[in-house]
PDB file of N, CA and C in Angstrom:
ATOM      1  N   LYS A   1      -2.467   4.063   0.241  1.00  0.00           N
ATOM      2  CA  LYS A   1      -2.455   5.321  -0.279  1.00  0.00           C
ATOM      3  C   LYS A   1      -1.377   6.473   0.173  1.00  0.00           C
ATOM      4  N   GLU A   2      -1.217   6.317   1.449  1.00  0.00           N
ATOM      5  CA  GLU A   2      -0.064   6.945   2.038  1.00  0.00           C
ATOM      6  C   GLU A   2       1.189   6.639   1.522  1.00  0.00           C
ATOM      7  N   SER A   3       1.488   5.512   1.335  1.00  0.00           N
ATOM      8  CA  SER A   3       2.856   5.105   0.537  1.00  0.00           C
ATOM      9  C   SER A   3       3.020   5.569  -0.612  1.00  0.00           C
ATOM     10  N   VAL A   4       1.940   5.570  -1.408  1.00  0.00           N
ATOM     11  CA  VAL A   4       1.872   6.231  -2.722  1.00  0.00           C
ATOM     12  C   VAL A   4       2.274   7.751  -2.793  1.00  0.00           C
ATOM     13  N   LEU A   5       1.660   8.473  -2.003  1.00  0.00           N
ATOM     14  CA  LEU A   5       1.631   9.852  -1.803  1.00  0.00           C
ATOM     15  C   LEU A   5       3.079  10.314  -1.347  1.00  0.00           C
ATOM     16  N   LYS A   6       3.797   9.462  -0.334  1.00  0.00           N
ATOM     17  CA  LYS A   6       5.041   9.699   0.242  1.00  0.00           C
ATOM     18  C   LYS A   6       6.079   9.497  -0.841  1.00  0.00           C
ATOM     19  N   ALA A   7       5.944   8.259  -1.766  1.00  0.00           N
ATOM     20  CA  ALA A   7       6.855   8.057  -2.781  1.00  0.00           C
ATOM     21  C   ALA A   7       7.152   8.992  -3.879  1.00  0.00           C
ATOM     22  N   THR A   8       5.734   9.760  -4.244  1.00  0.00           N
ATOM     23  CA  THR A   8       5.783  10.608  -5.187  1.00  0.00           C
ATOM     24  C   THR A   8       6.274  12.155  -4.766  1.00  0.00           C
ATOM     25  N   GLY A   9       6.349  12.261  -3.362  1.00  0.00           N
ATOM     26  CA  GLY A   9       6.928  13.466  -2.720  1.00  0.00           C
ATOM     27  C   GLY A   9       5.668  14.444  -2.356  1.00  0.00           C
ATOM     28  N   HIS A  10       4.581  14.027  -2.609  1.00  0.00           N
ATOM     29  CA  HIS A  10       3.300  14.695  -2.462  1.00  0.00           C
ATOM     30  C   HIS A  10       3.024  14.512  -0.823  1.00  0.00           C
ATOM     31  N   GLY A  11       3.121  13.702  -0.225  1.00  0.00           N
ATOM     32  CA  GLY A  11       2.815  13.481   1.148  1.00  0.00           C
ATOM     33  C   GLY A  11       1.272  13.731   1.212  1.00  0.00           C
ATOM     34  N   LEU A  12       0.881  14.257   2.371  1.00  0.00           N
ATOM     35  CA  LEU A  12      -0.507  14.544   2.638  1.00  0.00           C
ATOM     36  C   LEU A  12      -0.945  15.823   2.043  1.00  0.00           C
ATOM     37  N   ARG A  13      -0.123  16.528   1.394  1.00  0.00           N
ATOM     38  CA  ARG A  13      -0.553  17.637   0.564  1.00  0.00           C
ATOM     39  C   ARG A  13      -1.626  17.452  -0.618  1.00  0.00           C
ATOM     40  N   VAL A  14      -1.675  16.276  -0.944  1.00  0.00           N
ATOM     41  CA  VAL A  14      -2.665  15.820  -1.853  1.00  0.00           C
ATOM     42  C   VAL A  14      -3.633  15.038  -1.060  1.00  0.00           C
ATOM     43  N   ASP A  15      -4.962  15.248  -1.349  1.00  0.00           N
ATOM     44  CA  ASP A  15      -5.989  14.734  -0.666  1.00  0.00           C
ATOM     45  C   ASP A  15      -6.075  13.160  -0.918  1.00  0.00           C
ATOM     46  N   PRO A  16      -5.926  12.348   0.168  1.00  0.00           N
ATOM     47  CA  PRO A  16      -5.912  10.851  -0.193  1.00  0.00           C
ATOM     48  C   PRO A  16      -7.175  10.353  -0.834  1.00  0.00           C
ATOM     49  N   SER A  17      -8.270  11.041  -0.968  1.00  0.00           N
ATOM     50  CA  SER A  17      -9.415  10.481  -1.483  1.00  0.00           C
ATOM     51  C   SER A  17      -9.286  10.711  -3.144  1.00  0.00           C
ATOM     52  N   ARG A  18      -8.172  11.342  -3.681  1.00  0.00           N
ATOM     53  CA  ARG A  18      -7.809  11.381  -5.002  1.00  0.00           C
ATOM     54  C   ARG A  18      -7.194  10.200  -5.415  1.00  0.00           C
ATOM     55  N   VAL A  19      -6.787   9.259  -4.678  1.00  0.00           N
ATOM     56  CA  VAL A  19      -5.912   8.209  -4.821  1.00  0.00           C
ATOM     57  C   VAL A  19      -6.897   6.861  -4.526  1.00  0.00           C
ATOM     58  N   ARG A  20      -6.854   5.838  -5.591  1.00  0.00           N
ATOM     59  CA  ARG A  20      -7.490   4.698  -5.083  1.00  0.00           C
ATOM     60  C   ARG A  20      -6.665   3.444  -5.400  1.00  0.00           C
ATOM     61  N   VAL A  21      -6.529   2.635  -4.262  1.00  0.00           N
ATOM     62  CA  VAL A  21      -5.654   1.352  -4.433  1.00  0.00           C
ATOM     63  C   VAL A  21      -6.555   0.360  -4.222  1.00  0.00           C
ATOM     64  N   THR A  22      -6.000  -0.922  -4.531  1.00  0.00           N
ATOM     65  CA  THR A  22      -6.804  -2.159  -4.538  1.00  0.00           C
ATOM     66  C   THR A  22      -7.395  -2.451  -2.941  1.00  0.00           C
ATOM     67  N   ALA A  23      -8.294  -3.094  -2.970  1.00  0.00           N
ATOM     68  CA  ALA A  23      -8.929  -3.556  -1.826  1.00  0.00           C
ATOM     69  C   ALA A  23      -7.962  -4.489  -0.762  1.00  0.00           C
ATOM     70  N   PRO A  24      -8.200  -4.509   0.395  1.00  0.00           N
ATOM     71  CA  PRO A  24      -7.456  -5.507   1.432  1.00  0.00           C
ATOM     72  C   PRO A  24      -7.609  -6.872   0.712  1.00  0.00           C
ATOM     73  N   GLY A  25      -6.603  -7.779   0.722  1.00  0.00           N
ATOM     74  CA  GLY A  25      -6.744  -9.021   0.109  1.00  0.00           C
ATOM     75  C   GLY A  25      -6.478  -9.168  -1.228  1.00  0.00           C
ATOM     76  N   GLU A  26      -6.585  -8.164  -1.857  1.00  0.00           N
ATOM     77  CA  GLU A  26      -6.090  -8.050  -3.352  1.00  0.00           C
ATOM     78  C   GLU A  26      -4.639  -7.698  -3.412  1.00  0.00           C
ATOM     79  N   PRO A  27      -3.923  -8.350  -4.589  1.00  0.00           N
ATOM     80  CA  PRO A  27      -2.509  -7.656  -4.793  1.00  0.00           C
ATOM     81  C   PRO A  27      -2.513  -6.098  -4.778  1.00  0.00           C
ATOM     82  N   ALA A  28      -1.637  -5.575  -4.082  1.00  0.00           N
ATOM     83  CA  ALA A  28      -1.420  -4.110  -3.914  1.00  0.00           C
ATOM     84  C   ALA A  28      -1.150  -3.520  -5.186  1.00  0.00           C
ATOM     85  N   ALA A  29      -1.937  -2.408  -5.563  1.00  0.00           N
ATOM     86  CA  ALA A  29      -1.652  -1.796  -6.810  1.00  0.00           C
ATOM     87  C   ALA A  29      -2.319  -0.582  -6.978  1.00  0.00           C
ATOM     88  N   LEU A  30      -1.918   0.552  -7.440  1.00  0.00           N
ATOM     89  CA  LEU A  30      -2.445   1.792  -7.722  1.00  0.00           C
ATOM     90  C   LEU A  30      -3.483   1.631  -8.881  1.00  0.00           C
ATOM     91  N   VAL A  31      -4.797   1.978  -8.510  1.00  0.00           N
ATOM     92  CA  VAL A  31      -6.013   1.751  -9.451  1.00  0.00           C
ATOM     93  C   VAL A  31      -6.160   3.107 -10.197  1.00  0.00           C
ATOM     94  N   GLU A  32      -6.213   4.152  -9.357  1.00  0.00           N
ATOM     95  CA  GLU A  32      -6.606   5.360 -10.003  1.00  0.00           C
ATOM     96  C   GLU A  32      -5.855   6.552  -9.056  1.00  0.00           C
ATOM     97  N   TRP A  33      -5.664   7.630  -9.728  1.00  0.00           N
ATOM     98  CA  TRP A  33      -5.378   8.925  -9.108  1.00  0.00           C
ATOM     99  C   TRP A  33      -6.047  10.061  -9.893  1.00  0.00           C
ATOM    100  N   ASN A  34      -6.973  10.683  -9.140  1.00  0.00           N
ATOM    101  CA  ASN A  34      -7.812  11.764  -9.866  1.00  0.00           C
ATOM    102  C   ASN A  34      -6.951  13.108  -9.526  1.00  0.00           C
ATOM    103  N   GLY A  35      -6.670  13.781 -10.894  1.00  0.00           N
ATOM    104  CA  GLY A  35      -6.108  14.947 -10.708  1.00  0.00           C
ATOM    105  C   GLY A  35      -4.588  15.016 -10.904  1.00  0.00           C
ATOM    106  N   PRO A  36      -3.912  16.230 -10.942  1.00  0.00           N
ATOM    107  CA  PRO A  36      -2.407  16.333 -11.304  1.00  0.00           C
ATOM    108  C   PRO A  36      -1.385  15.559 -10.467  1.00  0.00           C
ATOM    109  N   GLY A  37      -0.330  15.354 -10.931  1.00  0.00           N
ATOM    110  CA  GLY A  37       0.841  14.866 -10.161  1.00  0.00           C
ATOM    111  C   GLY A  37       0.827  13.065 -10.123  1.00  0.00           C
ATOM    112  N   ALA A  38      -0.128  12.523 -10.840  1.00  0.00           N
ATOM    113  CA  ALA A  38      -0.166  10.959 -10.760  1.00  0.00           C
ATOM    114  C   ALA A  38       1.330  10.401 -11.394  1.00  0.00           C
ATOM    115  N   PRO A  39       1.798   9.418 -10.701  1.00  0.00           N
ATOM    116  CA  PRO A  39       3.139   8.910 -11.190  1.00  0.00           C
ATOM    117  C   PRO A  39       2.704   8.182 -12.569  1.00  0.00           C
ATOM    118  N   SER A  40       3.688   8.001 -13.399  1.00  0.00           N
ATOM    119  CA  SER A  40       3.535   7.106 -14.561  1.00  0.00           C
ATOM    120  C   SER A  40       3.450   5.730 -14.281  1.00  0.00           C
ATOM    121  N   THR A  41       4.442   5.141 -13.463  1.00  0.00           N
ATOM    122  CA  THR A  41       4.336   3.953 -12.792  1.00  0.00           C
ATOM    123  C   THR A  41       4.626   3.971 -11.429  1.00  0.00           C
ATOM    124  N   ALA A  42       3.727   3.145 -10.765  1.00  0.00           N
ATOM    125  CA  ALA A  42       4.188   2.959  -9.127  1.00  0.00           C
ATOM    126  C   ALA A  42       3.705   1.486  -8.835  1.00  0.00           C
ATOM    127  N   TRP A  43       4.745   0.890  -8.130  1.00  0.00           N
ATOM    128  CA  TRP A  43       4.885  -0.629  -7.727  1.00  0.00           C
ATOM    129  C   TRP A  43       4.469  -0.530  -6.313  1.00  0.00           C
ATOM    130  N   LEU A  44       3.189  -1.261  -5.748  1.00  0.00           N
ATOM    131  CA  LEU A  44       3.191  -1.261  -4.626  1.00  0.00           C
ATOM    132  C   LEU A  44       3.186  -2.620  -3.967  1.00  0.00           C
ATOM    133  N   TYR A  45       3.680  -2.863  -2.769  1.00  0.00           N
ATOM    134  CA  TYR A  45       3.954  -4.128  -2.206  1.00  0.00           C
ATOM    135  C   TYR A  45       3.440  -3.834  -0.524  1.00  0.00           C
ATOM    136  N   ASP A  46       2.873  -5.142  -0.337  1.00  0.00           N
ATOM    137  CA  ASP A  46       2.403  -5.205   1.212  1.00  0.00           C
ATOM    138  C   ASP A  46       3.476  -6.036   1.767  1.00  0.00           C
ATOM    139  N   VAL A  47       3.966  -5.686   2.944  1.00  0.00           N
ATOM    140  CA  VAL A  47       5.110  -6.411   3.530  1.00  0.00           C
ATOM    141  C   VAL A  47       4.785  -6.855   4.913  1.00  0.00           C
ATOM    142  N   GLU A  48       4.595  -8.065   5.276  1.00  0.00           N
ATOM    143  CA  GLU A  48       4.342  -8.325   6.575  1.00  0.00           C
ATOM    144  C   GLU A  48       5.423  -8.200   7.459  1.00  0.00           C
ATOM    145  N   THR A  49       5.382  -7.417   8.458  1.00  0.00           N
ATOM    146  CA  THR A  49       6.541  -7.024   9.362  1.00  0.00           C
ATOM    147  C   THR A  49       6.445  -7.814  10.680  1.00  0.00           C
ATOM    148  N   ALA A  50       5.333  -8.276  11.015  1.00  0.00           N
ATOM    149  CA  ALA A  50       5.180  -9.291  12.097  1.00  0.00           C
ATOM    150  C   ALA A  50       3.791  -9.835  11.878  1.00  0.00           C
ATOM    151  N   PRO A  51       3.547 -11.065  12.551  1.00  0.00           N
ATOM    152  CA  PRO A  51       2.241 -11.801  12.424  1.00  0.00           C
ATOM    153  C   PRO A  51       1.168 -10.644  12.691  1.00  0.00           C
ATOM    154  N   GLY A  52       0.359 -10.554  11.791  1.00  0.00           N
ATOM    155  CA  GLY A  52      -0.771  -9.645  11.790  1.00  0.00           C
ATOM    156  C   GLY A  52      -0.464  -8.188  11.575  1.00  0.00           C
ATOM    157  N   HIS A  53       0.739  -7.911  11.179  1.00  0.00           N
ATOM    158  CA  HIS A  53       1.146  -6.358  10.855  1.00  0.00           C
ATOM    159  C   HIS A  53       1.599  -6.421   9.583  1.00  0.00           C
ATOM    160  N   VAL A  54       1.217  -5.361   8.732  1.00  0.00           N
ATOM    161  CA  VAL A  54       1.593  -5.305   7.467  1.00  0.00           C
ATOM    162  C   VAL A  54       2.030  -3.804   7.117  1.00  0.00           C
ATOM    163  N   ALA A  55       3.146  -3.623   6.343  1.00  0.00           N
ATOM    164  CA  ALA A  55       3.493  -2.332   6.048  1.00  0.00           C
ATOM    165  C   ALA A  55       3.368  -2.230   4.471  1.00  0.00           C
ATOM    166  N   ALA A  56       3.114  -1.042   4.076  1.00  0.00           N
ATOM    167  CA  ALA A  56       2.894  -0.709   2.580  1.00  0.00           C
ATOM    168  C   ALA A  56       4.372  -0.059   2.074  1.00  0.00           C
ATOM    169  N   VAL A  57       4.912  -0.627   0.917  1.00  0.00           N
ATOM    170  CA  VAL A  57       6.121   0.009   0.067  1.00  0.00           C
ATOM    171  C   VAL A  57       5.605   0.424  -1.186  1.00  0.00           C
ATOM    172  N   THR A  58       5.963   1.473  -1.628  1.00  0.00           N
ATOM    173  CA  THR A  58       5.711   2.011  -3.136  1.00  0.00           C
ATOM    174  C   THR A  58       7.153   2.259  -3.662  1.00  0.00           C
ATOM    175  N   VAL A  59       7.377   1.582  -4.876  1.00  0.00           N
ATOM    176  CA  VAL A  59       8.595   2.006  -5.544  1.00  0.00           C
ATOM    177  C   VAL A  59       8.109   2.671  -6.914  1.00  0.00           C
ATOM    178  N   LEU A  60       8.822   3.630  -7.287  1.00  0.00           N
ATOM    179  CA  LEU A  60       8.420   4.550  -8.651  1.00  0.00           C
ATOM    180  C   LEU A  60       9.471   4.149  -9.545  1.00  0.00           C
ATOM    181  N   ALA A  61       9.249   3.288 -10.511  1.00  0.00           N
ATOM    182  CA  ALA A  61      10.279   2.574 -11.416  1.00  0.00           C
ATOM    183  C   ALA A  61       9.515   2.223 -12.727  1.00  0.00           C
ATOM    184  N   PRO A  62      10.255   2.205 -13.845  1.00  0.00           N
ATOM    185  CA  PRO A  62       9.452   1.885 -14.984  1.00  0.00           C
ATOM    186  C   PRO A  62       9.230   0.283 -15.091  1.00  0.00           C
ATOM    187  N   HIS A  63       9.971  -0.432 -14.368  1.00  0.00           N
ATOM    188  CA  HIS A  63       9.746  -1.930 -14.340  1.00  0.00           C
ATOM    189  C   HIS A  63       9.466  -2.408 -12.985  1.00  0.00           C
ATOM    190  N   ARG A  64       8.816  -3.296 -12.593  1.00  0.00           N
ATOM    191  CA  ARG A  64       8.502  -3.804 -11.311  1.00  0.00           C
ATOM    192  C   ARG A  64       9.715  -4.500 -10.882  1.00  0.00           C
ATOM    193  N   PRO A  65      10.368  -4.015  -9.669  1.00  0.00           N
ATOM    194  CA  PRO A  65      11.509  -4.484  -9.094  1.00  0.00           C
ATOM    195  C   PRO A  65      11.268  -5.540  -8.127  1.00  0.00           C
ATOM    196  N   ALA A  66      12.104  -6.484  -7.976  1.00  0.00           N
ATOM    197  CA  ALA A  66      11.933  -7.332  -6.690  1.00  0.00           C
ATOM    198  C   ALA A  66      12.271  -6.687  -5.462  1.00  0.00           C
ATOM    199  N   LEU A  67      11.500  -6.963  -4.427  1.00  0.00           N
ATOM    200  CA  LEU A  67      11.617  -6.469  -3.313  1.00  0.00           C
ATOM    201  C   LEU A  67      12.290  -7.283  -2.220  1.00  0.00           C
ATOM    202  N   LEU A  68      13.431  -7.159  -1.766  1.00  0.00           N
ATOM    203  CA  LEU A  68      13.972  -7.919  -0.723  1.00  0.00           C
ATOM    204  C   LEU A  68      13.859  -7.294   0.775  1.00  0.00           C
ATOM    205  N   VAL A  69      13.255  -8.220   1.579  1.00  0.00           N
ATOM    206  CA  VAL A  69      13.091  -7.610   2.990  1.00  0.00           C
ATOM    207  C   VAL A  69      13.954  -8.442   3.897  1.00  0.00           C
ATOM    208  N   ARG A  70      14.724  -7.680   4.741  1.00  0.00           N
ATOM    209  CA  ARG A  70      15.493  -7.970   5.640  1.00  0.00           C
ATOM    210  C   ARG A  70      15.058  -8.064   7.006  1.00  0.00           C
ATOM    211  N   ALA A  71      15.247  -9.021   7.920  1.00  0.00           N
ATOM    212  CA  ALA A  71      14.897  -8.918   9.234  1.00  0.00           C
ATOM    213  C   ALA A  71      15.895  -8.238   9.777  1.00  0.00           C
ATOM    214  N   ALA A  72      15.611  -7.757  11.070  1.00  0.00           N
ATOM    215  CA  ALA A  72      16.710  -7.066  11.894  1.00  0.00           C
ATOM    216  C   ALA A  72      17.830  -8.022  12.089  1.00  0.00           C
ATOM    217  N   GLY A  73      19.217  -7.474  11.831  1.00  0.00           N
ATOM    218  CA  GLY A  73      20.299  -8.127  11.836  1.00  0.00           C
ATOM    219  C   GLY A  73      20.700  -8.551  10.641  1.00  0.00           C
ATOM    220  N   GLY A  74      19.993  -8.128   9.592  1.00  0.00           N
ATOM    221  CA  GLY A  74      20.419  -8.239   8.083  1.00  0.00           C
ATOM    222  C   GLY A  74      20.140  -9.509   7.459  1.00  0.00           C
ATOM    223  N   ALA A  75      19.630 -10.503   8.157  1.00  0.00           N
ATOM    224  CA  ALA A  75      19.281 -11.839   7.319  1.00  0.00           C
ATOM    225  C   ALA A  75      18.099 -11.695   6.483  1.00  0.00           C
ATOM    226  N   PRO A  76      18.006 -12.154   5.259  1.00  0.00           N
ATOM    227  CA  PRO A  76      16.896 -11.852   4.313  1.00  0.00           C
ATOM    228  C   PRO A  76      15.507 -12.702   5.089  1.00  0.00           C
ATOM    229  N   ALA A  77      14.514 -11.911   5.114  1.00  0.00           N
ATOM    230  CA  ALA A  77      13.295 -12.412   5.658  1.00  0.00           C
ATOM    231  C   ALA A  77      12.361 -12.946   4.408  1.00  0.00           C
ATOM    232  N   ALA A  78      12.354 -12.209   3.351  1.00  0.00           N
ATOM    233  CA  ALA A  78      11.512 -12.568   2.297  1.00  0.00           C
ATOM    234  C   ALA A  78      11.799 -11.754   0.956  1.00  0.00           C
ATOM    235  N   THR A  79      11.554 -12.315  -0.216  1.00  0.00           N
ATOM    236  CA  THR A  79      11.821 -11.639  -1.334  1.00  0.00           C
ATOM    237  C   THR A  79      10.455 -11.696  -1.922  1.00  0.00           C
ATOM    238  N   THR A  80       9.940 -10.403  -2.503  1.00  0.00           N
ATOM    239  CA  THR A  80       8.682 -10.248  -3.142  1.00  0.00           C
ATOM    240  C   THR A  80       8.768  -9.980  -4.642  1.00  0.00           C
ATOM    241  N   THR A  81       8.177 -10.594  -5.480  1.00  0.00           N
ATOM    242  CA  THR A  81       8.283 -10.169  -6.822  1.00  0.00           C
ATOM    243  C   THR A  81       6.969  -9.733  -7.514  1.00  0.00           C
ATOM    244  N   ALA A  82       5.744 -10.000  -6.715  1.00  0.00           N
ATOM    245  CA  ALA A  82       4.610  -9.508  -7.049  1.00  0.00           C
ATOM    246  C   ALA A  82       3.680  -8.968  -5.891  1.00  0.00           C
TER     247      ALA A  82
END
């Protein structure tokens, strides 16, 4: 939720309870946004930053982009398309 709200520029000025995302273990996605300010498209990604640690990334774009994750030092760590 926080990733979506930050990507849209709303930050925590919008109550996170207005935003519903998929449950843990499901592919990351915006399910519902109750109220004004909803993005027309939002692509969510879960990115494993270290074993047992996950970060959230939201991209606002008309089509789902591939996400390239680079490890420290610039070497590609992973590419995510879904």
